[in-house]
Amino acid sequence: MTWTIHPLPTADAFAAHAAAWDALQARVAGLPFLESAFVQPLLSAFGTGRELVALRGPVQAPTAAAILTPGRRGQWTTFQPSQLPLGAWLSEAGAPLAPLAGELTRALPGLTLAVGLTQIDSLFHPRPADTPHWRGQDYIDTAWVDIEGSFDAYWEARGKNLRQNIRKQQKKLETSGIQTRLDCLTLPEDVAPALAHYGRLEASGWKGNEGTAIAPGHPQYAFYLSMLQNFCRLGRARLYQYRFNDEVVAMDLCILSGDRIVILKTAYDEAHKAVSPSTLMRQQQFEDLFKDAAAGGPVRRIEFYGKVMEWHTRWTSTARPVYHGTCYRWGWVQSLHRALARRGEAGATGQPATDSSTDVGTNAGTAGPTAPTATTAAASPATAAPTTQASTS
């Protein structure tokens, strides 16, 4: 079976392939952020016009697909701005990645030395063993919560410190006469006002100091506005707002597909950090999701899709690897790449280097894929930051 290559000079060009992409995505992954409702606004906000979509097999019913962006000479990587938790790659769960990527390497325009697949979820694609033509690289572990049984049982299994701290903060708020409320917004007309609140919360912390908070005029704002309106129209967006009296003090931006809800972004007001507003919000949010599931609701898993932080471990003990993969057209390309990387590190440090110098780095502050460094230019996947979530207070 062969791959066909279709340039994407504009985001609108992806529309011709959206139905086929979505049908494949629903069959092999079922992840909301890999749907066209997410990907097309992402291309519109962060695409360069140099991207292409690759389809394996019949164009209207492909068996695998990818959106790719050119890296340095001779390499391509999966399209992945930091807002996208995984690289834009679709193939049957469990199907060997290396042969598929090898076919793609030979089908891409020009002399392609390597293809980088960024942030592959081991839930769908267990990491294959390294070969002369394939190399995996550690990235992060990501956490999730299975919604099973009652919320009371789930909550009782959480750590004593979390439960005590929640009670302490709730008591403090009650004593101060502050009433708390969790709202869940789902309508397209809710999105713009919700993003205004969200941007204010982000601006209260380090993103405000760095100028990266969501705000009108920023590419992130245009993306989240369009994408969340798309999912609201589909009935699959959940914009959680946690209030102290009438003031919004914490928010989660979430989207759903099938039995999964994905928490894309979290923010809280730094002025109220002492009472942990996002932690209080999450307890109420999770309780509502458990109750909805018990009443027959569809959601059975909460996905974080970000690097496991200490605060994640308060809510779950489950995690799995996300990794990068590089497919080399010829084995000697990988050998050369490793040699160049070792030489580059030795030159920078004045010390002998090991193969660890070739691991893909991260740059979580970027809004899109980062060009490889000199030591990774031979063929490592382009650095792509994960979807970032604000630290939970």
Protein backbone atom coordinates (compact mmCIF):
# COMPACT_ATOMS: atom_id res chain seq x y z
CA MET A 1 0.00 0.00 0.00
CA THR A 2 1.35 3.44 -0.90
CA TRP A 3 1.30 6.89 0.65
CA THR A 4 0.01 9.92 -1.26
CA ILE A 5 1.23 13.40 -0.38
CA HIS A 6 -1.07 16.45 -0.36
CA PRO A 7 0.35 19.95 0.31
CA LEU A 8 -1.45 22.24 2.75
CA PRO A 9 -0.60 25.78 1.59
CA THR A 10 -3.48 27.04 3.73
CA ALA A 11 -5.47 25.59 6.62
CA ASP A 12 -8.53 25.52 4.36
CA ALA A 13 -6.76 22.97 2.16
CA PHE A 14 -7.11 20.45 4.98
CA ALA A 15 -10.92 20.60 4.67
CA ALA A 16 -10.81 18.34 1.59
CA HIS A 17 -9.29 15.60 3.76
CA ALA A 18 -11.14 16.26 7.02
CA ALA A 19 -13.86 13.61 6.60
CA ALA A 20 -11.36 10.85 5.79
CA TRP A 21 -9.07 12.01 8.60
CA ASP A 22 -11.90 12.03 11.15
CA ALA A 23 -13.18 8.60 10.12
CA LEU A 24 -9.70 7.11 10.57
CA GLN A 25 -9.14 9.00 13.82
CA ALA A 26 -12.43 7.73 15.29
CA ARG A 27 -11.47 4.17 14.42
CA VAL A 28 -7.86 4.12 15.63
CA ALA A 29 -7.67 6.64 18.49
CA GLY A 30 -10.89 8.40 19.49
CA LEU A 31 -9.01 11.42 20.83
CA PRO A 32 -10.76 14.79 20.52
CA PHE A 33 -7.58 16.78 19.94
CA LEU A 34 -6.76 14.71 16.84
CA GLU A 35 -10.10 15.53 15.19
CA SER A 36 -10.32 18.07 12.38
CA ALA A 37 -12.33 20.33 14.72
CA PHE A 38 -9.07 20.77 16.64
CA VAL A 39 -6.45 20.29 13.92
CA GLN A 40 -7.81 22.74 11.36
CA PRO A 41 -7.88 25.74 13.75
CA LEU A 42 -4.38 24.69 14.82
CA LEU A 43 -3.17 24.81 11.22
CA SER A 44 -4.86 28.17 10.77
CA ALA A 45 -3.16 29.68 13.83
CA PHE A 46 0.26 28.03 13.69
CA GLY A 47 0.71 26.53 10.23
CA THR A 48 3.41 27.95 7.96
CA GLY A 49 1.95 26.81 4.64
CA ARG A 50 4.77 24.26 4.29
CA GLU A 51 2.83 21.46 5.96
CA LEU A 52 1.45 18.49 4.08
CA VAL A 53 -0.96 15.66 4.84
CA ALA A 54 0.13 12.14 3.98
CA LEU A 55 -2.50 9.43 3.45
CA ARG A 56 -1.77 5.71 3.16
CA GLY A 57 -4.04 3.75 0.87
CA PRO A 58 -7.30 5.08 -0.60
CA VAL A 59 -7.54 8.84 -0.18
CA GLN A 60 -11.16 8.65 0.99
CA ALA A 61 -10.50 5.71 3.35
CA PRO A 62 -6.82 5.75 4.41
CA THR A 63 -5.34 3.13 6.71
CA ALA A 64 -2.81 5.61 8.17
CA ALA A 65 -2.33 9.38 8.00
CA ALA A 66 -0.05 12.13 9.21
CA ILE A 67 0.35 15.88 9.03
CA LEU A 68 4.01 16.70 8.58
CA THR A 69 6.18 19.78 8.63
CA PRO A 70 9.70 20.10 7.21
CA GLY A 71 12.62 20.26 9.59
CA ARG A 72 16.21 20.73 8.61
CA ARG A 73 17.41 19.43 5.27
CA GLY A 74 16.33 15.87 4.70
CA GLN A 75 13.95 15.51 7.63
CA TRP A 76 10.24 15.82 8.32
CA THR A 77 8.40 15.69 11.62
CA THR A 78 4.80 15.36 12.66
CA PHE A 79 3.04 18.71 12.97
CA GLN A 80 2.76 19.56 16.66
CA PRO A 81 2.46 23.04 18.09
CA SER A 82 2.54 23.01 21.88
CA GLN A 83 -1.27 23.13 22.07
CA LEU A 84 -1.46 19.61 20.56
CA PRO A 85 -0.74 16.91 23.16
CA LEU A 86 0.43 14.27 20.63
CA GLY A 87 1.97 14.42 17.18
CA ALA A 88 -0.46 14.46 14.23
CA TRP A 89 -0.13 10.76 13.37
CA LEU A 90 -2.91 8.19 12.90
CA SER A 91 -2.52 4.44 12.42
CA GLU A 92 -4.12 1.28 13.74
CA ALA A 93 -3.45 0.79 17.45
CA GLY A 94 -0.70 -1.77 17.85
CA ALA A 95 0.30 -1.71 14.18
CA PRO A 96 4.12 -1.58 13.85
CA LEU A 97 5.19 2.03 13.46
CA ALA A 98 8.61 1.53 11.90
CA PRO A 99 7.41 -0.11 8.66
CA LEU A 100 4.72 2.54 8.18
CA ALA A 101 7.17 5.37 8.83
CA GLY A 102 9.70 3.67 6.55
CA GLU A 103 7.19 3.65 3.69
CA LEU A 104 6.43 7.30 4.38
CA THR A 105 10.12 8.24 4.35
CA ARG A 106 10.40 6.93 0.79
CA ALA A 107 7.18 8.67 -0.32
CA LEU A 108 7.96 12.18 0.90
CA PRO A 109 9.23 14.78 -1.56
CA GLY A 110 12.95 15.28 -2.02
CA LEU A 111 15.64 13.13 -0.49
CA THR A 112 14.20 12.35 2.93
CA LEU A 113 16.75 10.95 5.38
CA ALA A 114 14.43 10.60 8.37
CA VAL A 115 10.92 11.15 9.68
CA GLY A 116 10.34 12.11 13.30
CA LEU A 117 7.14 11.03 15.07
CA THR A 118 6.72 13.28 18.08
CA GLN A 119 4.94 12.40 21.32
CA ILE A 120 3.55 8.94 20.63
CA ASP A 121 1.12 7.59 23.23
CA SER A 122 2.15 4.11 24.38
CA LEU A 123 -1.53 3.38 25.09
CA PHE A 124 -2.02 3.03 21.34
CA HIS A 125 1.52 2.26 20.18
CA PRO A 126 3.79 0.41 22.62
CA ARG A 127 7.34 1.54 22.06
CA PRO A 128 9.14 -0.75 19.59
CA ALA A 129 12.69 -1.96 20.06
CA ASP A 130 15.41 0.13 18.48
CA THR A 131 16.86 -1.03 15.17
CA PRO A 132 19.32 0.51 12.69
CA HIS A 133 16.30 2.15 11.01
CA TRP A 134 14.22 3.06 14.08
CA ARG A 135 15.06 4.75 17.35
CA GLY A 136 12.76 5.60 20.24
CA GLN A 137 13.46 8.36 22.73
CA ASP A 138 12.04 8.90 26.20
CA TYR A 139 9.83 11.94 26.60
CA ILE A 140 7.37 12.07 29.51
CA ASP A 141 4.89 10.04 31.49
CA THR A 142 1.27 11.19 31.37
CA ALA A 143 -1.42 10.53 33.97
CA TRP A 144 -5.10 9.65 33.85
CA VAL A 145 -8.00 8.82 36.16
CA ASP A 146 -10.38 5.94 35.49
CA ILE A 147 -13.95 6.71 36.58
CA GLU A 148 -14.89 3.46 38.28
CA GLY A 149 -17.19 2.91 41.23
CA SER A 150 -18.35 5.71 43.51
CA PHE A 151 -16.70 9.04 44.08
CA ASP A 152 -16.66 8.33 47.82
CA ALA A 153 -14.52 5.24 47.24
CA TYR A 154 -12.23 7.15 44.89
CA TRP A 155 -11.90 10.03 47.34
CA GLU A 156 -11.20 7.75 50.29
CA ALA A 157 -8.30 6.24 48.30
CA ARG A 158 -6.65 9.63 47.91
CA GLY A 159 -3.90 10.70 50.27
CA LYS A 160 -4.71 11.90 53.76
CA ASN A 161 -2.95 15.22 53.16
CA LEU A 162 -5.07 16.06 50.11
CA ARG A 163 -8.33 15.28 51.89
CA GLN A 164 -7.34 17.21 55.00
CA ASN A 165 -6.13 20.22 53.01
CA ILE A 166 -9.39 20.34 51.05
CA ARG A 167 -11.41 20.34 54.28
CA LYS A 168 -9.15 23.01 55.76
CA GLN A 169 -9.52 25.32 52.75
CA GLN A 170 -13.28 24.80 52.59
CA LYS A 171 -13.59 25.64 56.28
CA LYS A 172 -11.47 28.77 55.81
CA LEU A 173 -13.74 29.96 53.00
CA GLU A 174 -16.90 29.23 54.98
CA THR A 175 -15.55 31.19 57.94
CA SER A 176 -14.85 34.13 55.62
CA GLY A 177 -18.40 34.02 54.25
CA ILE A 178 -17.27 33.02 50.77
CA GLN A 179 -19.59 30.78 48.77
CA THR A 180 -18.08 28.54 46.12
CA ARG A 181 -19.69 27.41 42.87
CA LEU A 182 -18.61 25.34 39.89
CA ASP A 183 -20.13 26.28 36.54
CA CYS A 184 -19.76 24.16 33.41
CA LEU A 185 -20.19 26.14 30.18
CA THR A 186 -21.00 24.32 26.96
CA LEU A 187 -22.42 26.81 24.43
CA PRO A 188 -20.56 28.51 21.54
CA GLU A 189 -21.54 31.94 22.83
CA ASP A 190 -19.92 31.07 26.19
CA VAL A 191 -16.45 30.70 24.70
CA ALA A 192 -15.34 34.31 24.18
CA PRO A 193 -16.35 35.47 27.70
CA ALA A 194 -14.80 32.32 29.18
CA LEU A 195 -11.51 32.98 27.39
CA ALA A 196 -11.52 36.53 28.73
CA HIS A 197 -11.73 35.12 32.26
CA TYR A 198 -9.13 32.49 31.45
CA GLY A 199 -6.69 35.06 30.07
CA ARG A 200 -7.08 37.14 33.23
CA LEU A 201 -6.23 34.10 35.37
CA GLU A 202 -3.18 33.27 33.27
CA ALA A 203 -2.03 36.88 33.36
CA SER A 204 -2.05 36.79 37.17
CA GLY A 205 0.90 34.37 37.11
CA TRP A 206 4.16 33.85 35.26
CA LYS A 207 2.50 33.84 31.83
CA GLY A 208 1.45 37.41 32.43
CA ASN A 209 5.05 38.36 33.15
CA GLU A 210 6.24 36.60 29.98
CA GLY A 211 3.45 37.93 27.78
CA THR A 212 2.20 34.44 26.87
CA ALA A 213 -1.23 34.55 28.53
CA ILE A 214 -4.20 34.01 26.24
CA ALA A 215 -5.44 37.39 25.01
CA PRO A 216 -7.15 38.80 21.89
CA GLY A 217 -4.62 39.36 19.15
CA HIS A 218 -2.43 36.44 20.22
CA PRO A 219 -2.44 33.37 17.91
CA GLN A 220 -3.33 31.20 20.89
CA TYR A 221 -6.52 33.19 21.44
CA ALA A 222 -7.64 32.75 17.83
CA PHE A 223 -6.95 29.03 18.04
CA TYR A 224 -8.76 28.40 21.33
CA LEU A 225 -11.70 30.57 20.32
CA SER A 226 -12.24 28.70 17.04
CA MET A 227 -11.48 25.23 18.40
CA LEU A 228 -13.64 25.51 21.52
CA GLN A 229 -16.53 26.96 19.53
CA ASN A 230 -16.22 23.95 17.20
CA PHE A 231 -16.47 21.53 20.11
CA CYS A 232 -19.31 23.48 21.71
CA ARG A 233 -21.26 23.15 18.46
CA LEU A 234 -20.58 19.40 18.63
CA GLY A 235 -21.77 19.35 22.26
CA ARG A 236 -18.33 18.19 23.42
CA ALA A 237 -16.68 21.12 25.17
CA ARG A 238 -16.66 21.65 28.92
CA LEU A 239 -15.41 25.01 30.20
CA TYR A 240 -15.27 24.76 33.97
CA GLN A 241 -15.32 27.96 36.01
CA TYR A 242 -14.87 27.89 39.77
CA ARG A 243 -16.13 30.94 41.62
CA PHE A 244 -15.62 32.54 45.00
CA ASN A 245 -18.97 34.33 45.28
CA ASP A 246 -19.18 35.96 41.82
CA GLU A 247 -15.43 36.00 41.09
CA VAL A 248 -13.93 33.39 38.74
CA VAL A 249 -10.82 32.08 40.50
CA ALA A 250 -9.97 28.89 38.60
CA MET A 251 -10.77 27.31 35.23
CA ASP A 252 -10.29 24.12 33.22
CA LEU A 253 -10.68 24.00 29.44
CA CYS A 254 -11.78 20.48 28.44
CA ILE A 255 -12.99 18.59 25.37
CA LEU A 256 -14.61 15.18 25.08
CA SER A 257 -14.71 12.23 22.72
CA GLY A 258 -16.54 8.98 23.46
CA ASP A 259 -15.69 7.89 26.99
CA ARG A 260 -12.80 10.36 27.49
CA ILE A 261 -12.57 13.91 28.73
CA VAL A 262 -9.24 15.68 28.16
CA ILE A 263 -8.14 18.56 30.38
CA LEU A 264 -6.33 20.84 27.93
CA LYS A 265 -5.48 23.78 30.15
CA THR A 266 -5.80 24.82 33.79
CA ALA A 267 -5.39 28.27 35.33
CA TYR A 268 -6.12 29.90 38.65
CA ASP A 269 -5.89 33.34 40.23
CA GLU A 270 -2.54 33.77 41.96
CA ALA A 271 -4.16 36.22 44.38
CA HIS A 272 -6.06 33.28 45.93
CA LYS A 273 -3.24 30.74 45.82
CA ALA A 274 -3.28 30.36 49.61
CA VAL A 275 -6.65 28.58 49.45
CA SER A 276 -5.83 26.35 46.45
CA PRO A 277 -8.72 27.28 44.13
CA SER A 278 -7.79 24.85 41.36
CA THR A 279 -7.59 21.97 43.83
CA LEU A 280 -11.02 22.83 45.19
CA MET A 281 -12.34 23.08 41.63
CA ARG A 282 -10.90 19.70 40.68
CA GLN A 283 -12.51 17.94 43.63
CA GLN A 284 -15.95 19.27 42.67
CA GLN A 285 -15.34 18.59 38.98
CA PHE A 286 -14.29 14.99 39.60
CA GLU A 287 -17.21 14.40 41.95
CA ASP A 288 -19.61 15.62 39.26
CA LEU A 289 -17.98 13.38 36.64
CA PHE A 290 -18.24 10.33 38.90
CA LYS A 291 -21.90 11.11 39.60
CA ASP A 292 -22.63 11.58 35.90
CA ALA A 293 -21.00 8.23 35.13
CA ALA A 294 -23.03 6.51 37.85
CA ALA A 295 -26.18 7.96 36.26
CA GLY A 296 -25.24 6.51 32.86
CA GLY A 297 -23.13 9.34 31.46
CA PRO A 298 -20.52 8.41 28.83
CA VAL A 299 -17.27 9.65 30.40
CA ARG A 300 -15.18 6.89 31.95
CA ARG A 301 -11.67 8.34 31.81
CA ILE A 302 -10.09 11.71 32.63
CA GLU A 303 -6.90 12.37 30.65
CA PHE A 304 -4.31 15.00 31.63
CA TYR A 305 -1.93 14.61 28.65
CA GLY A 306 0.96 16.50 30.17
CA LYS A 307 4.10 15.66 32.10
CA VAL A 308 3.29 14.01 35.42
CA MET A 309 3.83 16.60 38.12
CA GLU A 310 3.62 16.18 41.89
CA TRP A 311 0.07 17.50 41.94
CA HIS A 312 -1.07 14.84 39.46
CA THR A 313 0.01 12.15 41.90
CA ARG A 314 -2.45 13.48 44.47
CA TRP A 315 -5.30 12.56 42.13
CA THR A 316 -4.08 9.31 40.57
CA SER A 317 -1.39 6.66 40.77
CA THR A 318 -1.66 5.71 37.09
CA ALA A 319 0.73 6.90 34.38
CA ARG A 320 2.11 5.69 31.05
CA PRO A 321 4.98 6.72 28.77
CA VAL A 322 4.80 9.12 25.86
CA TYR A 323 7.82 8.86 23.60
CA HIS A 324 9.38 10.16 20.38
CA GLY A 325 10.40 7.97 17.47
CA THR A 326 12.71 8.54 14.52
CA CYS A 327 12.64 6.44 11.36
CA TYR A 328 15.90 6.55 9.39
CA ARG A 329 15.88 5.80 5.69
CA TRP A 330 19.26 4.09 5.93
CA GLY A 331 21.00 2.68 8.98
CA TRP A 332 24.13 4.72 8.33
CA VAL A 333 22.11 7.93 8.83
CA GLN A 334 21.43 6.99 12.44
CA SER A 335 25.10 6.10 12.98
CA LEU A 336 26.17 9.44 11.52
CA HIS A 337 23.60 11.27 13.61
CA ARG A 338 24.88 9.70 16.82
CA ALA A 339 28.48 10.47 15.89
CA LEU A 340 27.68 14.11 15.16
CA ALA A 341 25.71 14.41 18.40
CA ARG A 342 28.58 12.99 20.44
CA ARG A 343 31.02 15.33 18.74
CA GLY A 344 28.73 18.31 19.34
CA GLU A 345 28.37 17.57 23.02
CA ALA A 346 32.07 16.94 23.48
CA GLY A 347 32.83 20.26 21.81
CA ALA A 348 30.36 22.11 24.02
CA THR A 349 31.49 20.58 27.32
CA GLY A 350 35.10 19.68 26.68
CA GLN A 351 34.24 16.19 27.97
CA PRO A 352 33.60 12.89 26.18
CA ALA A 353 29.92 12.53 25.31
CA THR A 354 27.57 9.57 25.56
CA ASP A 355 24.56 8.66 23.45
CA SER A 356 22.32 10.48 25.94
CA SER A 357 23.30 13.67 24.15
CA THR A 358 21.03 12.72 21.28
CA ASP A 359 17.83 12.66 23.32
CA VAL A 360 15.20 15.06 22.11
CA GLY A 361 14.97 18.09 24.36
CA THR A 362 11.91 20.11 25.33
CA ASN A 363 11.00 23.74 25.10
CA ALA A 364 7.70 24.10 26.87
CA GLY A 365 7.58 27.84 26.39
CA THR A 366 7.19 27.70 22.63
CA ALA A 367 3.93 28.10 20.79
CA GLY A 368 4.88 25.65 18.08
CA PRO A 369 7.45 23.11 16.98
CA THR A 370 11.02 24.12 17.76
CA ALA A 371 13.77 23.62 15.22
CA PRO A 372 16.26 20.91 16.17
CA THR A 373 19.53 21.95 17.71
CA ALA A 374 22.78 21.48 15.84
CA THR A 375 23.34 18.15 17.55
CA THR A 376 19.91 16.82 16.62
CA ALA A 377 19.70 18.24 13.12
CA ALA A 378 20.70 14.98 11.48
CA ALA A 379 17.31 13.46 12.08
CA SER A 380 15.81 13.62 15.57
CA PRO A 381 12.17 14.63 15.84
CA ALA A 382 11.73 18.38 16.05
CA THR A 383 11.26 19.47 19.61
CA ALA A 384 7.56 19.79 20.27
CA ALA A 385 6.33 20.97 23.61
CA PRO A 386 3.41 19.23 25.26
CA THR A 387 0.18 20.92 26.04
CA THR A 388 1.02 22.80 29.20
CA GLN A 389 -1.18 23.00 32.26
CA ALA A 390 -0.70 25.61 34.92
CA SER A 391 0.68 24.24 38.17
CA THR A 392 -2.22 23.30 40.40
CA SER A 393 -2.16 25.19 43.64
